[in-house]
N, C-alpha and C. Protein backbone atom coordinates (compact mmCIF):
# COMPACT_ATOMS: atom_id res chain seq x y z
N UNK A 1 0.65 -1.16 -0.15
CA UNK A 1 -0.11 -0.19 -0.19
C UNK A 1 0.65 1.46 -0.31
N UNK A 2 0.74 2.12 -0.88
CA UNK A 2 1.23 3.29 -0.69
C UNK A 2 0.70 4.58 -0.54
N UNK A 3 1.62 5.29 -0.14
CA UNK A 3 0.67 6.74 0.42
C UNK A 3 1.20 7.70 -0.51
N UNK A 4 0.09 8.54 -0.75
CA UNK A 4 0.58 9.61 -1.67
C UNK A 4 0.62 10.88 -0.92
N UNK A 5 1.55 11.41 -1.39
CA UNK A 5 1.41 12.66 -0.34
C UNK A 5 0.63 13.98 -1.26
N UNK A 6 0.04 14.49 -0.43
CA UNK A 6 -0.71 15.84 -1.05
C UNK A 6 -0.14 17.25 -0.57
N UNK A 7 -0.11 18.13 -1.67
CA UNK A 7 0.61 19.16 -1.25
C UNK A 7 -0.67 20.23 -1.36
N UNK A 8 -0.65 21.21 -0.20
CA UNK A 8 -1.56 22.36 -0.22
C UNK A 8 -1.53 23.06 -1.11
N UNK A 9 -2.89 23.73 -1.27
CA UNK A 9 -2.80 24.47 -2.76
C UNK A 9 -1.88 25.75 -2.29
N UNK A 10 -1.21 26.65 -3.12
CA UNK A 10 -0.62 27.49 -2.98
C UNK A 10 -1.93 28.76 -2.17
N UNK A 11 -1.22 29.33 -1.09
CA UNK A 11 -2.07 30.25 -0.88
C UNK A 11 -2.08 31.73 -1.38
N UNK A 12 -3.27 32.13 -1.53
CA UNK A 12 -3.46 33.31 -1.87
C UNK A 12 -2.29 34.47 -1.40
N UNK A 13 -1.82 35.03 -2.85
CA UNK A 13 -0.84 36.45 -2.36
C UNK A 13 -1.33 37.56 -1.96
N UNK A 14 -1.11 38.37 -1.09
CA UNK A 14 -1.87 39.18 -0.29
C UNK A 14 -1.54 40.90 -0.99
N UNK A 15 -2.03 41.15 -2.41
CA UNK A 15 -1.92 42.21 -3.04
C UNK A 15 -2.42 43.22 -3.41
N UNK A 16 -3.77 43.25 -2.35
CA UNK A 16 -4.66 44.46 -2.46
C UNK A 16 -5.25 44.56 -1.07
N UNK A 17 -6.07 45.65 -0.79
CA UNK A 17 -6.29 45.89 0.39
C UNK A 17 -7.81 44.31 1.02
N UNK A 18 -8.38 44.10 -0.01
CA UNK A 18 -9.62 42.85 0.74
C UNK A 18 -8.64 42.08 0.94
N UNK A 19 -7.62 41.68 0.15
CA UNK A 19 -7.04 40.39 0.61
C UNK A 19 -6.02 40.43 2.19
N UNK A 20 -5.89 41.94 2.24
CA UNK A 20 -4.81 42.47 3.48
C UNK A 20 -5.58 42.08 4.47
N UNK A 21 -7.20 42.59 4.41
CA UNK A 21 -7.73 42.96 5.38
C UNK A 21 -8.48 41.58 6.34
N UNK A 22 -8.64 40.66 5.15
CA UNK A 22 -9.13 39.20 5.53
C UNK A 22 -7.95 38.58 6.13
N UNK A 23 -6.55 38.81 5.50
CA UNK A 23 -5.74 38.08 6.25
C UNK A 23 -5.40 38.44 7.83
N UNK A 24 -5.38 39.70 7.87
CA UNK A 24 -5.77 40.02 9.40
C UNK A 24 -6.27 39.85 10.38
N UNK A 25 -8.27 39.47 9.41
CA UNK A 25 -8.99 38.79 10.28
C UNK A 25 -8.22 37.64 10.72
N UNK A 26 -7.92 36.64 9.99
CA UNK A 26 -7.58 35.27 10.11
C UNK A 26 -6.13 35.20 10.99
N UNK A 27 -5.62 35.92 11.10
CA UNK A 27 -4.46 36.05 11.87
C UNK A 27 -4.86 36.63 13.26
N UNK A 28 -5.47 37.65 13.48
CA UNK A 28 -6.43 37.42 14.71
C UNK A 28 -6.88 36.76 15.50
N UNK A 29 -7.92 35.90 14.70
CA UNK A 29 -8.44 34.99 15.33
C UNK A 29 -7.80 34.05 15.55
N UNK A 30 -6.71 33.40 15.07
CA UNK A 30 -5.62 32.65 15.36
C UNK A 30 -4.94 32.83 16.91
N UNK A 31 -4.91 34.11 17.03
CA UNK A 31 -4.21 34.66 18.20
C UNK A 31 -5.03 35.01 19.21
N UNK A 32 -6.54 35.38 19.08
CA UNK A 32 -7.28 35.54 20.00
C UNK A 32 -7.99 33.79 20.46
N UNK A 33 -7.74 32.61 19.49
CA UNK A 33 -8.52 31.57 19.89
C UNK A 33 -7.66 31.29 20.73
N UNK A 34 -7.65 29.66 20.71
CA UNK A 34 -6.89 28.88 21.85
C UNK A 34 -6.49 27.71 20.58
N UNK A 35 -6.39 27.90 19.39
CA UNK A 35 -5.54 26.96 18.41
C UNK A 35 -3.72 27.03 18.99
N UNK A 36 -3.27 27.88 19.07
CA UNK A 36 -2.31 28.03 19.32
C UNK A 36 -1.82 28.09 21.06
N UNK A 37 -0.84 27.53 20.96
CA UNK A 37 0.02 26.97 22.57
C UNK A 37 0.08 28.26 23.27
N UNK A 38 0.04 28.30 24.47
CA UNK A 38 0.64 29.82 25.22
C UNK A 38 2.32 29.89 24.74
N UNK A 39 3.18 29.14 24.95
CA UNK A 39 4.37 29.41 24.41
C UNK A 39 4.73 30.05 22.78
N UNK A 40 3.83 29.55 21.90
CA UNK A 40 3.61 29.96 20.52
C UNK A 40 3.41 31.72 20.71
N UNK A 41 2.17 31.73 21.61
CA UNK A 41 1.63 33.29 21.69
C UNK A 41 2.85 34.17 22.38
N UNK A 42 3.34 33.65 23.30
CA UNK A 42 4.37 34.07 24.16
C UNK A 42 5.56 34.68 23.08
N UNK A 43 5.78 33.39 22.52
CA UNK A 43 7.00 33.59 20.99
C UNK A 43 6.69 34.89 20.25
N UNK A 44 5.52 34.93 19.90
CA UNK A 44 5.16 35.78 18.61
C UNK A 44 5.35 37.19 19.51
N UNK A 45 4.57 37.53 20.93
CA UNK A 45 4.80 38.59 21.72
C UNK A 45 6.54 39.21 21.70
N UNK A 46 7.05 38.17 21.60
CA UNK A 46 8.94 38.66 22.22
C UNK A 46 9.52 38.49 20.96
N UNK A 47 8.95 38.45 19.82
CA UNK A 47 9.68 38.22 18.99
C UNK A 47 10.35 39.84 18.35
N UNK A 48 11.58 39.80 17.67
CA UNK A 48 12.26 40.83 17.18
C UNK A 48 11.65 40.63 15.87
N UNK A 49 11.01 41.82 15.56
CA UNK A 49 10.61 41.93 14.00
C UNK A 49 11.93 41.68 12.83
N UNK A 50 12.55 42.64 13.11
CA UNK A 50 14.11 42.68 12.13
C UNK A 50 14.71 41.49 12.34
N UNK A 51 14.84 40.88 13.26
CA UNK A 51 15.97 39.75 13.48
C UNK A 51 15.24 38.41 13.92
N UNK A 52 14.89 37.76 12.86
CA UNK A 52 14.36 36.35 12.99
C UNK A 52 14.93 35.44 14.37
N UNK A 53 13.91 34.48 15.05
CA UNK A 53 14.73 33.89 16.18
C UNK A 53 13.54 32.60 16.21
N UNK A 54 13.70 32.47 17.39
CA UNK A 54 12.74 30.98 17.55
C UNK A 54 11.48 31.03 17.23
N UNK A 55 10.93 31.68 16.87
CA UNK A 55 9.59 32.09 16.85
C UNK A 55 9.11 31.39 15.20
N UNK A 56 9.83 31.09 14.52
CA UNK A 56 9.87 30.76 13.17
C UNK A 56 8.70 29.96 13.13
N UNK A 57 8.30 28.50 14.05
CA UNK A 57 7.50 27.98 13.88
C UNK A 57 5.99 28.74 13.99
N UNK A 58 5.71 29.04 15.03
CA UNK A 58 4.52 29.97 15.56
C UNK A 58 4.39 30.75 14.83
N UNK A 59 5.41 31.39 13.95
CA UNK A 59 4.65 32.23 13.05
C UNK A 59 4.17 31.96 11.82
N UNK A 60 5.01 30.50 11.44
CA UNK A 60 4.58 30.05 9.85
C UNK A 60 3.09 29.20 10.27
N UNK A 61 2.57 28.67 11.43
CA UNK A 61 1.35 27.89 11.96
C UNK A 61 0.39 29.29 11.67
N UNK A 62 0.82 30.38 12.31
CA UNK A 62 -0.31 31.70 11.89
C UNK A 62 -0.71 32.03 10.79
N UNK A 63 0.73 32.11 9.97
CA UNK A 63 0.55 32.42 8.63
C UNK A 63 -0.02 31.57 7.40
N UNK A 64 0.24 30.05 8.07
CA UNK A 64 -0.52 29.28 7.06
C UNK A 64 -1.89 29.39 7.38
N UNK A 65 -2.35 29.44 8.52
CA UNK A 65 -3.53 29.28 8.85
C UNK A 65 -4.39 30.55 8.33
N UNK A 66 -3.89 31.56 8.36
CA UNK A 66 -4.62 32.53 7.62
C UNK A 66 -4.38 32.58 6.09
N UNK A 67 -3.85 31.61 5.39
CA UNK A 67 -3.61 31.61 3.89
C UNK A 67 -2.48 32.79 3.39
N UNK A 68 -1.67 33.28 4.19
CA UNK A 68 -0.76 34.05 4.08
C UNK A 68 0.77 33.21 3.39
N UNK A 69 1.29 33.51 2.18
CA UNK A 69 2.61 32.88 1.83
C UNK A 69 3.61 33.98 1.42
N UNK A 70 4.03 34.66 2.28
CA UNK A 70 5.04 35.53 1.52
C UNK A 70 6.30 35.03 0.86
N UNK A 71 6.17 35.74 0.14
CA UNK A 71 7.31 35.03 -1.09
C UNK A 71 8.60 35.81 -1.31
N UNK A 72 8.98 36.76 -0.48
CA UNK A 72 10.41 37.29 -0.23
C UNK A 72 10.53 37.29 1.42
N UNK A 73 11.84 37.71 1.31
CA UNK A 73 12.42 37.99 3.15
C UNK A 73 11.80 39.54 3.48
N UNK A 74 11.59 40.45 2.60
CA UNK A 74 10.87 41.68 2.76
C UNK A 74 9.30 41.41 3.07
N UNK A 75 8.81 40.66 2.11
CA UNK A 75 7.37 40.41 2.87
C UNK A 75 7.41 39.61 4.20
N UNK A 76 8.29 38.76 4.22
CA UNK A 76 8.18 38.11 5.32
C UNK A 76 8.28 38.61 6.73
N UNK A 77 9.45 39.84 6.62
CA UNK A 77 9.38 40.81 7.59
C UNK A 77 8.16 41.62 7.88
N UNK A 78 7.25 42.07 7.01
CA UNK A 78 6.49 42.83 6.98
C UNK A 78 5.21 42.34 7.78
N UNK A 79 5.28 41.19 7.49
CA UNK A 79 4.10 39.75 8.28
C UNK A 79 4.50 39.98 9.41
N UNK A 80 5.95 39.74 9.88
CA UNK A 80 6.17 39.60 11.16
C UNK A 80 6.00 40.64 12.17
N UNK A 81 5.94 41.96 11.68
CA UNK A 81 5.54 42.67 11.91
C UNK A 81 3.80 42.87 12.81
N UNK A 82 3.46 42.26 11.76
CA UNK A 82 2.19 42.56 11.49
C UNK A 82 1.53 41.32 12.74
N UNK A 83 2.32 40.39 12.75
CA UNK A 83 1.65 39.28 13.46
C UNK A 83 2.22 39.58 15.11
N UNK A 84 3.21 40.24 15.19
CA UNK A 84 3.63 40.55 16.35
C UNK A 84 3.07 41.44 16.77
N UNK A 85 2.16 42.62 16.45
CA UNK A 85 1.48 43.77 17.19
C UNK A 85 0.03 42.69 17.30
N UNK A 86 -0.45 42.06 16.59
CA UNK A 86 -1.78 41.09 16.71
C UNK A 86 -1.42 40.36 17.89
N UNK A 87 -0.30 40.05 18.15
CA UNK A 87 0.26 38.49 19.03
C UNK A 87 0.08 39.65 20.62
N UNK A 88 0.72 41.15 20.38
CA UNK A 88 1.03 41.83 21.90
C UNK A 88 -0.37 42.17 21.91
N UNK A 89 -1.61 42.87 21.02
CA UNK A 89 -2.62 42.62 21.72
C UNK A 89 -3.85 41.52 21.71
N UNK A 90 -3.18 40.27 21.89
CA UNK A 90 -3.77 39.01 21.72
C UNK A 90 -5.26 38.80 21.31
N UNK A 91 -5.09 39.41 19.60
CA UNK A 91 -5.77 38.96 18.61
C UNK A 91 -6.94 40.07 18.69
N UNK A 92 -6.59 40.88 19.75
CA UNK A 92 -8.00 41.88 19.63
C UNK A 92 -8.30 42.95 18.17
N UNK A 93 -8.80 42.14 17.26
CA UNK A 93 -9.34 43.00 16.08
C UNK A 93 -10.63 43.28 16.00
N UNK A 94 -11.22 44.78 15.79
CA UNK A 94 -12.56 44.69 16.01
C UNK A 94 -12.57 45.86 14.40
N UNK A 95 -13.03 44.59 13.22
CA UNK A 95 -13.20 45.71 11.92
C UNK A 95 -14.20 46.65 12.15
N UNK A 96 -15.26 46.84 12.93
CA UNK A 96 -16.10 47.99 12.72
C UNK A 96 -15.40 49.15 13.89
N UNK A 97 -14.18 49.01 14.87
CA UNK A 97 -14.15 50.14 15.43
C UNK A 97 -12.69 50.79 14.66
N UNK A 98 -13.26 51.81 13.67
CA UNK A 98 -12.19 52.66 13.16
C UNK A 98 -10.88 52.81 13.61
N UNK A 99 -9.83 52.68 13.10
CA UNK A 99 -8.59 52.83 13.86
C UNK A 99 -8.12 54.29 14.17
N UNK A 100 -8.25 55.33 13.29
CA UNK A 100 -8.47 56.46 13.57
C UNK A 100 -8.94 57.10 14.50
N UNK A 101 -10.67 56.93 14.78
CA UNK A 101 -11.38 57.14 15.90
C UNK A 101 -10.80 56.60 17.57
N UNK A 102 -10.38 55.49 17.26
CA UNK A 102 -10.15 54.50 18.71
C UNK A 102 -8.84 55.26 18.72
N UNK A 103 -7.71 55.39 17.51
CA UNK A 103 -6.43 56.19 18.34
C UNK A 103 -6.75 57.93 19.02
N UNK A 104 -7.76 58.15 18.55
CA UNK A 104 -8.13 59.79 19.15
C UNK A 104 -9.01 59.42 20.57
N UNK A 105 -9.89 58.37 20.62
CA UNK A 105 -10.49 58.18 22.20
C UNK A 105 -9.62 57.81 22.80
N UNK A 106 -8.34 56.81 22.82
CA UNK A 106 -7.28 56.39 23.82
C UNK A 106 -6.32 57.57 23.96
N UNK A 107 -6.43 58.82 23.51
CA UNK A 107 -5.74 59.85 23.49
C UNK A 107 -4.27 59.64 22.66
N UNK A 108 -4.42 59.40 21.70
CA UNK A 108 -2.86 59.26 21.19
C UNK A 108 -2.77 60.64 20.55
N UNK A 109 -1.85 61.21 20.64
CA UNK A 109 -1.55 62.51 19.99
C UNK A 109 -1.49 62.97 18.65
N UNK A 110 -1.90 63.83 17.93
CA UNK A 110 -1.67 64.26 16.38
C UNK A 110 -0.03 64.30 16.30
N UNK A 111 0.80 64.31 16.83
CA UNK A 111 2.07 64.51 16.98
C UNK A 111 2.59 62.89 16.71
N UNK A 112 2.25 62.12 17.69
CA UNK A 112 2.89 60.55 17.39
C UNK A 112 1.92 59.97 16.21
N UNK A 113 0.81 60.24 16.17
CA UNK A 113 -0.21 60.23 14.66
C UNK A 113 0.61 60.33 13.58
N UNK A 114 0.96 61.37 13.25
CA UNK A 114 2.05 62.20 12.21
C UNK A 114 3.30 61.42 12.20
N UNK A 115 3.75 61.02 13.41
CA UNK A 115 5.07 60.25 13.35
C UNK A 115 4.99 58.79 12.80
N UNK A 116 3.94 58.22 13.01
CA UNK A 116 3.42 56.97 12.57
C UNK A 116 3.20 56.78 11.54
N UNK A 117 2.34 57.62 11.00
CA UNK A 117 1.90 57.65 9.66
C UNK A 117 2.99 58.04 8.16
N UNK A 118 4.06 58.75 8.73
CA UNK A 118 4.87 59.19 8.05
C UNK A 118 6.62 59.05 8.17
N UNK A 119 6.67 57.87 8.90
CA UNK A 119 7.96 57.08 9.07
C UNK A 119 8.06 56.20 8.22
N UNK A 120 9.34 55.76 7.65
CA UNK A 120 10.06 54.74 7.46
C UNK A 120 9.93 53.54 7.82
N UNK A 121 9.70 52.54 7.08
CA UNK A 121 9.46 51.14 7.67
C UNK A 121 10.06 50.66 8.67
N UNK A 122 11.14 51.03 9.09
CA UNK A 122 12.16 50.77 10.25
C UNK A 122 11.48 51.42 11.63
N UNK A 123 11.00 52.54 11.38
CA UNK A 123 10.41 53.69 12.29
C UNK A 123 9.05 53.41 12.69
N UNK A 124 8.50 52.78 11.49
CA UNK A 124 6.91 52.16 11.53
C UNK A 124 7.12 51.18 12.27
N UNK A 125 7.91 50.14 12.00
CA UNK A 125 8.28 48.68 13.31
C UNK A 125 8.15 49.33 14.11
N UNK A 126 8.86 50.10 14.85
CA UNK A 126 9.03 50.56 16.12
C UNK A 126 7.93 51.09 17.01
N UNK A 127 7.24 52.29 16.36
CA UNK A 127 6.01 52.58 16.49
C UNK A 127 4.98 51.79 16.57
N UNK A 128 4.76 51.01 15.65
CA UNK A 128 3.73 50.41 15.52
C UNK A 128 3.56 49.11 16.63
N UNK A 129 4.64 48.59 17.11
CA UNK A 129 4.86 48.11 18.32
C UNK A 129 4.58 48.70 19.66
N UNK A 130 5.25 49.57 20.08
CA UNK A 130 4.73 50.62 21.07
C UNK A 130 3.20 51.13 21.24
N UNK A 131 2.64 51.44 19.87
CA UNK A 131 1.13 51.57 20.05
C UNK A 131 0.55 50.28 20.26
N UNK A 132 0.88 48.96 19.83
CA UNK A 132 0.29 47.93 20.54
C UNK A 132 0.41 47.84 21.61
N UNK A 133 0.96 47.72 22.20
CA UNK A 133 1.61 47.68 23.90
C UNK A 133 0.58 48.79 24.91
N UNK A 134 0.62 50.03 23.89
CA UNK A 134 -0.32 50.92 24.46
C UNK A 134 -1.73 50.22 24.46
N UNK A 135 -1.92 50.19 23.53
CA UNK A 135 -3.63 49.58 23.02
C UNK A 135 -3.87 48.23 24.02
N UNK A 136 -2.96 47.21 24.28
CA UNK A 136 -3.27 46.06 25.33
C UNK A 136 -3.25 46.55 26.27
N UNK A 137 -2.49 47.37 26.86
CA UNK A 137 -2.47 47.93 28.37
C UNK A 137 -3.84 48.84 28.37
N UNK A 138 -4.34 49.75 27.58
CA UNK A 138 -5.89 50.09 27.96
C UNK A 138 -6.85 49.26 27.37
N UNK A 139 -6.49 48.00 27.11
CA UNK A 139 -7.62 47.43 26.29
C UNK A 139 -8.41 48.14 25.63
N UNK A 140 -7.90 48.22 24.20
CA UNK A 140 -8.65 49.41 23.60
C UNK A 140 -8.46 47.98 22.18
N UNK A 141 -9.49 47.49 21.73
CA UNK A 141 -10.23 47.03 20.24
C UNK A 141 -9.78 48.13 19.10
N UNK A 142 -9.39 47.63 17.78
CA UNK A 142 -9.79 48.47 16.97
C UNK A 142 -9.30 47.83 15.75
N UNK A 143 -9.46 48.47 14.44
CA UNK A 143 -9.28 47.67 13.24
C UNK A 143 -7.95 47.84 13.07
N UNK A 144 -7.30 46.64 12.81
CA UNK A 144 -6.02 46.67 12.51
C UNK A 144 -5.73 46.90 11.00
N UNK A 145 -6.54 46.28 10.13
CA UNK A 145 -6.26 46.15 8.80
C UNK A 145 -5.74 47.53 8.29
N UNK A 146 -6.03 48.54 8.42
CA UNK A 146 -5.19 49.94 7.53
C UNK A 146 -3.82 49.79 8.52
N UNK A 147 -3.47 49.52 9.67
CA UNK A 147 -2.41 49.70 10.22
C UNK A 147 -1.48 48.56 9.36
N UNK A 148 -1.79 47.25 9.39
CA UNK A 148 -1.33 46.18 8.66
C UNK A 148 -0.99 46.63 7.19
N UNK A 149 -2.00 47.55 6.72
CA UNK A 149 -2.11 47.65 4.98
C UNK A 149 -0.62 48.57 5.25
N UNK A 150 -0.60 49.51 5.66
CA UNK A 150 0.83 50.47 5.57
C UNK A 150 1.76 49.82 5.79
N UNK A 151 1.92 48.59 6.96
CA UNK A 151 3.23 47.64 6.67
C UNK A 151 3.34 47.06 5.62
N UNK A 152 2.81 46.55 5.05
CA UNK A 152 3.00 45.62 3.63
C UNK A 152 3.00 46.34 2.46
N UNK A 153 2.44 47.45 2.39
CA UNK A 153 3.05 48.13 1.17
C UNK A 153 3.66 49.76 1.25
N UNK A 154 3.81 50.08 2.37
CA UNK A 154 4.81 51.03 2.58
C UNK A 154 6.25 51.05 1.83
N UNK A 155 6.46 51.67 0.98
CA UNK A 155 7.76 51.83 -0.14
C UNK A 155 7.77 50.76 -1.26
N UNK A 156 6.65 50.16 -0.89
CA UNK A 156 6.58 49.08 -2.04
C UNK A 156 5.39 49.21 -3.47
N UNK A 157 4.12 49.51 -3.00
CA UNK A 157 2.72 49.98 -3.29
C UNK A 157 2.38 51.30 -2.40
N UNK A 158 2.68 52.37 -2.71
CA UNK A 158 2.70 53.87 -1.82
C UNK A 158 1.30 53.88 -1.89
N UNK A 159 0.54 53.90 -3.09
CA UNK A 159 -0.48 53.94 -3.62
C UNK A 159 -1.65 53.46 -2.73
N UNK A 160 -1.32 51.95 -2.16
CA UNK A 160 -2.21 51.35 -1.29
C UNK A 160 -1.85 51.53 0.26
N UNK A 161 -0.62 52.05 0.52
CA UNK A 161 0.07 52.52 1.84
C UNK A 161 -0.83 53.89 2.38
N UNK A 162 -0.97 54.53 1.02
CA UNK A 162 -1.50 56.08 1.17
C UNK A 162 -3.01 56.10 1.36
N UNK A 163 -3.69 55.04 0.61
CA UNK A 163 -5.11 55.18 1.35
C UNK A 163 -5.44 54.96 2.54
N UNK A 164 -4.73 54.00 3.05
CA UNK A 164 -4.89 53.37 4.41
C UNK A 164 -4.82 54.84 5.43
N UNK A 165 -3.22 55.29 4.92
CA UNK A 165 -2.99 56.59 5.92
C UNK A 165 -4.16 57.00 5.78
N UNK A 166 -4.42 57.90 4.55
CA UNK A 166 -5.68 58.93 4.65
C UNK A 166 -6.93 57.98 5.69
N UNK A 167 -7.24 56.97 5.39
CA UNK A 167 -8.29 56.50 6.32
C UNK A 167 -8.10 56.48 7.72
N UNK A 168 -7.08 56.25 8.02
CA UNK A 168 -6.79 56.52 9.63
C UNK A 168 -6.73 57.96 9.77
N UNK A 169 -6.11 59.21 9.44
CA UNK A 169 -6.05 60.63 9.45
C UNK A 169 -7.23 61.25 9.50
N UNK A 170 -8.16 60.47 8.20
CA UNK A 170 -9.47 61.18 8.15
C UNK A 170 -10.15 60.58 9.41
N UNK A 171 -10.24 59.49 9.73
CA UNK A 171 -11.24 59.09 11.02
C UNK A 171 -10.73 59.92 12.21
N UNK A 172 -9.33 59.73 12.33
CA UNK A 172 -9.12 60.86 13.54
C UNK A 172 -9.30 62.13 13.28
N UNK A 173 -9.41 62.59 12.42
CA UNK A 173 -9.86 63.98 12.14
C UNK A 173 -10.98 64.18 12.83
N UNK A 174 -12.00 63.26 12.28
CA UNK A 174 -13.33 63.55 12.19
C UNK A 174 -13.54 63.44 13.74
N UNK A 175 -13.02 62.45 14.47
CA UNK A 175 -13.12 62.27 15.78
C UNK A 175 -12.64 63.62 16.67
N UNK A 176 -11.54 63.98 15.90
CA UNK A 176 -11.35 65.59 16.92
C UNK A 176 -12.51 66.41 16.97
N UNK A 177 -12.71 66.61 15.18
CA UNK A 177 -13.78 67.78 15.02
C UNK A 177 -14.95 67.16 16.01
N UNK A 178 -15.29 66.18 16.05
CA UNK A 178 -16.79 66.16 16.73
C UNK A 178 -16.74 66.26 18.24
N UNK A 179 -15.74 66.08 19.01
CA UNK A 179 -15.21 66.17 20.20
C UNK A 179 -15.10 67.82 20.15
N UNK A 180 -14.77 68.56 19.42
CA UNK A 180 -14.76 70.32 19.49
C UNK A 180 -16.26 70.29 19.33
N UNK A 181 -17.36 69.74 18.53
CA UNK A 181 -18.68 70.13 18.32
C UNK A 181 -19.32 70.12 19.15
């Protein structure tokens, strides 16, 4: 009796907004649920985004479950940032909680928001990780998709990154205006 090895179909590439948002929801679901071990979740929270380490197996499990298959080292680093930040907030992703609005409600300053939205990728890595820790401490849920979209496309497909930046900035500005009205 011979066994046939079946290969999994290739995962879809995340090339646009819809795919990004779907992948973020899948990753958040993995991190919020009980399918990953406590050790895997801890490894993902502790990982250094720019320097791969022992969390490779946990990262692979999460990305596979969300049907994400990075094709380059750069893509892998960008997904590492997204997974790391979602792990820091324990998978708290609320698609209906607009990121800009929730950042305003959390007391995130305009100066910090400007730095987050205008920095290069290395700066974005640092600032997004700090933001994730702050959101976790305050137990604030928000839509991570536009933040992930910036991580994925900044410096690569600037038009997609800029759309996400505008969404966040517009929602923040609207919340500011509504507060003053």
